[in-house]
N, C-alpha and C. Protein backbone atom coordinates (compact mmCIF):
# COMPACT_ATOMS: atom_id res chain seq x y z
N MET A 1 17.93 -93.10 138.68
CA MET A 1 18.05 -93.71 140.08
C MET A 1 17.31 -95.15 139.97
N SER A 2 17.24 -95.51 138.67
CA SER A 2 16.84 -96.89 138.67
C SER A 2 17.58 -98.29 139.39
N ASN A 3 18.84 -98.21 139.72
CA ASN A 3 19.14 -99.09 140.61
C ASN A 3 19.35 -98.68 142.23
N TYR A 4 18.53 -98.02 142.63
CA TYR A 4 18.31 -97.58 144.19
C TYR A 4 17.24 -98.61 144.74
N PHE A 5 18.04 -99.14 145.57
CA PHE A 5 17.11 -100.16 146.64
C PHE A 5 17.43 -100.01 147.99
N ARG A 6 16.57 -100.24 148.66
CA ARG A 6 16.31 -100.19 150.26
C ARG A 6 15.94 -101.24 151.03
N ILE A 7 16.66 -102.00 151.92
CA ILE A 7 16.28 -103.06 152.48
C ILE A 7 16.60 -102.74 154.08
N THR A 8 15.45 -103.16 154.74
CA THR A 8 15.32 -103.06 156.30
C THR A 8 15.65 -104.60 156.68
N GLY A 9 16.62 -104.73 157.66
CA GLY A 9 17.26 -106.13 157.96
C GLY A 9 17.18 -105.99 159.56
N TYR A 10 17.46 -107.21 159.99
CA TYR A 10 17.42 -107.67 161.39
C TYR A 10 18.65 -108.81 161.71
N ILE A 11 19.59 -108.27 162.61
CA ILE A 11 20.61 -109.27 162.89
C ILE A 11 20.38 -109.98 164.16
N LYS A 12 19.85 -111.25 163.96
CA LYS A 12 19.31 -111.86 165.53
C LYS A 12 20.35 -111.91 166.54
N GLU A 13 21.44 -112.50 165.95
CA GLU A 13 22.75 -112.86 166.93
C GLU A 13 23.31 -111.44 167.65
N ARG A 14 22.75 -110.07 167.05
CA ARG A 14 23.52 -109.12 167.74
C ARG A 14 22.27 -108.31 168.15
N ASP A 15 20.97 -108.70 168.04
CA ASP A 15 19.70 -107.90 168.16
C ASP A 15 19.77 -106.51 167.84
N ILE A 16 20.37 -106.32 166.47
CA ILE A 16 20.04 -104.94 165.69
C ILE A 16 19.51 -104.96 164.45
N SER A 17 18.67 -104.01 164.27
CA SER A 17 18.12 -103.50 163.25
C SER A 17 18.80 -102.62 162.18
N ILE A 18 18.71 -102.79 161.14
CA ILE A 18 19.49 -101.82 160.07
C ILE A 18 18.59 -101.47 158.86
N ILE A 19 18.88 -100.16 158.28
CA ILE A 19 18.42 -99.88 157.10
C ILE A 19 19.58 -99.46 156.03
N ILE A 20 19.55 -100.22 155.01
CA ILE A 20 20.68 -100.14 154.01
C ILE A 20 20.28 -99.69 152.84
N ASP A 21 20.82 -98.80 152.03
CA ASP A 21 20.45 -98.55 150.73
C ASP A 21 21.76 -99.01 149.89
N SER A 22 21.32 -99.32 148.65
CA SER A 22 22.37 -99.45 147.65
C SER A 22 21.80 -98.47 146.29
N ASN A 23 22.79 -97.79 145.81
CA ASN A 23 22.36 -96.79 144.50
C ASN A 23 23.73 -96.96 143.64
N GLY A 24 23.66 -98.19 142.79
CA GLY A 24 24.50 -98.46 141.74
C GLY A 24 25.00 -99.72 141.79
N MET A 25 25.22 -100.36 143.10
CA MET A 25 26.09 -101.39 143.20
C MET A 25 25.48 -102.94 142.76
N PHE A 26 24.15 -102.85 142.62
CA PHE A 26 23.39 -104.11 142.32
C PHE A 26 22.59 -103.68 141.17
N ASP A 27 22.31 -104.42 140.22
CA ASP A 27 21.32 -104.25 139.19
C ASP A 27 20.11 -104.81 139.51
N LYS A 28 19.96 -105.69 140.47
CA LYS A 28 18.51 -106.36 140.69
C LYS A 28 18.37 -106.00 142.18
N VAL A 29 17.32 -105.82 142.64
CA VAL A 29 17.05 -105.78 144.34
C VAL A 29 17.31 -107.25 144.65
N TRP A 30 17.04 -108.43 143.84
CA TRP A 30 17.52 -109.98 144.63
C TRP A 30 18.84 -109.86 144.83
N GLN A 31 19.76 -109.32 143.94
CA GLN A 31 21.18 -109.49 144.31
C GLN A 31 21.61 -108.98 145.49
N PHE A 32 21.03 -107.56 145.83
CA PHE A 32 21.41 -106.96 146.97
C PHE A 32 20.72 -108.10 148.29
N SER A 33 19.53 -108.20 148.14
CA SER A 33 19.06 -109.23 149.15
C SER A 33 19.85 -110.21 149.30
N SER A 34 20.16 -111.00 148.32
CA SER A 34 21.18 -112.15 148.45
C SER A 34 22.38 -112.01 149.06
N TYR A 35 23.17 -110.88 148.75
CA TYR A 35 24.22 -110.50 149.52
C TYR A 35 24.15 -110.33 151.05
N LEU A 36 23.05 -109.59 151.52
CA LEU A 36 22.70 -109.21 152.91
C LEU A 36 22.48 -110.90 153.33
N VAL A 37 21.47 -111.53 152.85
CA VAL A 37 21.27 -112.72 153.44
C VAL A 37 22.56 -113.74 153.81
N GLN A 38 23.59 -113.72 152.89
CA GLN A 38 24.54 -114.18 153.08
C GLN A 38 25.36 -113.71 154.20
N LYS A 39 25.24 -112.72 154.56
CA LYS A 39 25.91 -112.08 155.83
C LYS A 39 25.18 -112.25 156.94
N ASN A 40 24.05 -113.24 157.10
CA ASN A 40 23.03 -113.67 158.08
C ASN A 40 22.19 -112.47 158.44
N ILE A 41 21.69 -111.67 157.68
CA ILE A 41 20.93 -110.68 157.83
C ILE A 41 19.59 -110.83 157.31
N LYS A 42 18.54 -111.10 158.44
CA LYS A 42 17.08 -111.55 158.00
C LYS A 42 16.65 -110.21 157.26
N ILE A 43 15.84 -110.30 156.18
CA ILE A 43 15.27 -109.24 155.49
C ILE A 43 14.03 -108.98 156.00
N VAL A 44 13.54 -107.79 156.15
CA VAL A 44 12.14 -107.39 157.06
C VAL A 44 11.54 -106.55 155.74
N GLU A 45 12.10 -105.75 155.08
CA GLU A 45 11.40 -105.02 154.17
C GLU A 45 12.37 -105.01 152.66
N VAL A 46 11.98 -104.73 151.43
CA VAL A 46 12.63 -104.58 150.54
C VAL A 46 12.00 -103.52 149.64
N GLY A 47 12.71 -102.63 149.14
CA GLY A 47 11.86 -101.57 148.09
C GLY A 47 12.83 -101.01 147.19
N SER A 48 12.31 -100.50 146.25
CA SER A 48 13.14 -99.70 145.31
C SER A 48 12.82 -98.20 145.09
N ASN A 49 13.55 -97.34 144.50
CA ASN A 49 13.18 -96.04 144.77
C ASN A 49 11.56 -95.67 144.28
N ASP A 50 11.10 -96.14 143.21
CA ASP A 50 9.66 -96.16 143.10
C ASP A 50 8.58 -96.75 143.96
N LYS A 51 9.11 -97.12 144.74
CA LYS A 51 7.94 -97.69 145.97
C LYS A 51 8.32 -97.22 147.34
N ILE A 52 9.51 -96.77 147.61
CA ILE A 52 9.57 -96.19 149.02
C ILE A 52 9.05 -94.44 149.09
N GLN A 53 8.90 -94.21 150.29
CA GLN A 53 8.97 -92.68 150.65
C GLN A 53 9.52 -92.54 151.73
N ASP A 54 10.66 -91.55 151.51
CA ASP A 54 11.47 -91.11 152.72
C ASP A 54 10.78 -90.18 153.45
N VAL A 55 10.83 -90.71 154.79
CA VAL A 55 9.92 -89.61 155.97
C VAL A 55 11.24 -88.60 156.26
N ASN A 56 12.48 -89.35 157.00
CA ASN A 56 13.53 -88.27 157.18
C ASN A 56 14.99 -89.09 157.05
N ILE A 57 14.84 -89.77 155.71
CA ILE A 57 16.32 -90.31 155.73
C ILE A 57 16.51 -89.74 154.05
N GLU A 58 17.47 -89.25 154.00
CA GLU A 58 18.19 -88.62 152.80
C GLU A 58 18.68 -89.64 151.63
N PRO A 59 18.21 -89.61 150.53
CA PRO A 59 18.48 -90.58 149.50
C PRO A 59 20.19 -90.58 149.43
N ALA A 60 20.96 -91.63 149.23
CA ALA A 60 22.23 -92.06 149.18
C ALA A 60 22.51 -91.34 147.74
N GLU A 61 23.62 -91.02 147.47
CA GLU A 61 24.18 -90.70 146.23
C GLU A 61 24.66 -91.98 145.31
N TYR A 62 24.83 -91.78 143.94
CA TYR A 62 25.31 -92.89 143.19
C TYR A 62 26.61 -93.35 143.49
N ASP A 63 26.64 -94.58 143.88
CA ASP A 63 28.21 -95.15 143.99
C ASP A 63 28.03 -96.87 143.73
N LYS A 64 28.71 -97.07 142.70
CA LYS A 64 28.94 -98.43 142.32
C LYS A 64 29.51 -99.35 143.11
N ASN A 65 30.40 -99.01 144.07
CA ASN A 65 31.05 -99.95 144.81
C ASN A 65 30.79 -100.02 146.17
N HIS A 66 29.49 -99.12 146.94
CA HIS A 66 29.52 -99.27 148.08
C HIS A 66 27.85 -99.23 148.52
N ILE A 67 27.45 -99.89 149.92
CA ILE A 67 26.25 -99.83 150.06
C ILE A 67 26.18 -98.82 151.17
N PHE A 68 24.99 -98.17 151.60
CA PHE A 68 24.98 -97.10 152.71
C PHE A 68 24.33 -97.35 153.98
N LEU A 69 24.71 -97.68 154.94
CA LEU A 69 24.19 -97.85 156.24
C LEU A 69 23.35 -96.64 156.66
N ARG A 70 21.99 -96.71 156.60
CA ARG A 70 21.17 -95.30 156.70
C ARG A 70 20.73 -95.28 158.19
N ALA A 71 20.71 -96.47 158.97
CA ALA A 71 20.20 -96.42 160.32
C ALA A 71 20.55 -97.63 161.14
N CYS A 72 20.69 -97.62 162.27
CA CYS A 72 21.10 -98.93 163.02
C CYS A 72 20.87 -98.72 164.55
N ALA A 73 19.97 -99.60 164.90
CA ALA A 73 19.48 -99.61 166.42
C ALA A 73 19.58 -101.01 167.11
N LYS A 74 19.54 -101.12 168.37
CA LYS A 74 19.11 -101.95 169.19
C LYS A 74 17.73 -102.51 169.02
N GLY A 75 17.72 -103.72 168.91
CA GLY A 75 16.09 -104.49 168.97
C GLY A 75 15.83 -104.47 167.38
N GLN A 76 14.37 -105.04 167.24
CA GLN A 76 13.97 -105.39 165.84
C GLN A 76 13.26 -104.16 165.43
N PRO A 77 13.08 -103.69 164.13
CA PRO A 77 12.61 -102.38 163.45
C PRO A 77 11.18 -102.40 163.80
N GLN A 78 10.65 -101.39 164.01
CA GLN A 78 9.05 -101.19 164.25
C GLN A 78 8.47 -100.59 163.46
N TYR A 79 7.07 -100.76 163.29
CA TYR A 79 6.02 -100.48 162.53
C TYR A 79 5.26 -99.37 163.08
N ILE A 80 5.29 -98.27 162.39
CA ILE A 80 4.53 -97.20 162.83
C ILE A 80 3.58 -96.63 162.17
N ASP A 81 2.47 -96.13 162.29
CA ASP A 81 1.70 -95.03 161.53
C ASP A 81 2.23 -93.79 161.06
N HIS A 82 2.39 -93.56 159.95
CA HIS A 82 2.69 -92.10 159.38
C HIS A 82 1.80 -91.48 158.37
N THR A 83 1.42 -90.20 158.72
CA THR A 83 0.27 -89.67 158.01
C THR A 83 0.89 -88.61 156.90
N ILE A 84 0.40 -89.02 155.69
CA ILE A 84 0.64 -88.16 154.56
C ILE A 84 -0.48 -87.21 154.06
N ASP A 85 -0.69 -86.12 154.00
CA ASP A 85 -1.91 -85.37 153.39
C ASP A 85 -3.02 -86.26 153.84
N GLY A 86 -3.34 -86.53 155.17
CA GLY A 86 -4.57 -86.82 155.56
C GLY A 86 -4.62 -88.59 155.39
N GLU A 87 -3.67 -89.34 154.78
CA GLU A 87 -3.57 -90.63 154.68
C GLU A 87 -2.52 -91.41 155.38
N ILE A 88 -3.12 -92.57 156.03
CA ILE A 88 -2.26 -93.22 157.11
C ILE A 88 -1.59 -94.32 156.38
N PHE A 89 -0.06 -94.34 156.44
CA PHE A 89 0.56 -95.38 155.61
C PHE A 89 1.43 -96.13 157.00
N LYS A 90 1.50 -97.41 156.73
CA LYS A 90 2.59 -98.20 157.59
C LYS A 90 4.02 -97.78 157.40
N ALA A 91 4.70 -97.28 158.16
CA ALA A 91 6.15 -96.75 158.16
C ALA A 91 6.84 -97.99 158.85
N ILE A 92 8.11 -97.84 158.60
CA ILE A 92 9.05 -98.65 159.44
C ILE A 92 10.34 -97.85 160.20
N GLN A 93 10.21 -97.99 161.20
CA GLN A 93 11.38 -97.19 162.10
C GLN A 93 12.44 -98.06 162.77
N VAL A 94 13.76 -97.55 162.52
CA VAL A 94 14.93 -98.08 162.90
C VAL A 94 15.58 -96.71 163.64
N GLY A 95 15.60 -96.79 165.02
CA GLY A 95 16.07 -95.74 165.70
C GLY A 95 15.45 -94.69 165.40
N GLU A 96 16.12 -93.35 165.01
CA GLU A 96 15.17 -92.30 164.60
C GLU A 96 14.75 -92.18 163.22
N LYS A 97 15.22 -93.18 162.49
CA LYS A 97 14.89 -92.99 160.83
C LYS A 97 13.65 -93.81 160.57
N VAL A 98 12.93 -93.00 159.58
CA VAL A 98 11.48 -93.71 159.32
C VAL A 98 11.55 -93.39 157.76
N TYR A 99 10.85 -94.44 157.21
CA TYR A 99 10.42 -94.59 155.89
C TYR A 99 9.26 -95.20 155.47
N ILE A 100 8.49 -94.96 154.42
CA ILE A 100 7.34 -96.26 154.06
C ILE A 100 7.76 -96.81 153.01
N PRO A 101 7.74 -97.93 153.05
CA PRO A 101 8.42 -99.11 152.31
C PRO A 101 7.54 -99.45 151.03
N ASN A 102 6.32 -99.19 151.11
CA ASN A 102 5.39 -99.57 149.99
C ASN A 102 4.33 -98.47 149.72
N ILE A 103 4.56 -97.40 149.21
CA ILE A 103 3.74 -96.09 149.01
C ILE A 103 2.89 -96.81 147.88
């Protein structure tokens, strides 16, 4: 999963936040980010599989041709506290989906 990337974005024109994963479509995270910026998506968080901690999002399967919409909700993404083994981390939430972007 060396090419597994996750981006949380915000589409201002529609007031929608999203979590999108790529697992094989891009070689570098900047390529994925650039692709989304070209679609007028503001980047809120960027991470790779070695830095993110899933809370309630299942990892996407390998796919060189697709990106995966993991969550979508009205409004901006929210930062919340999430505790793991007594340690508090800043997690990001879109709708009901939550993950820690920088563990």
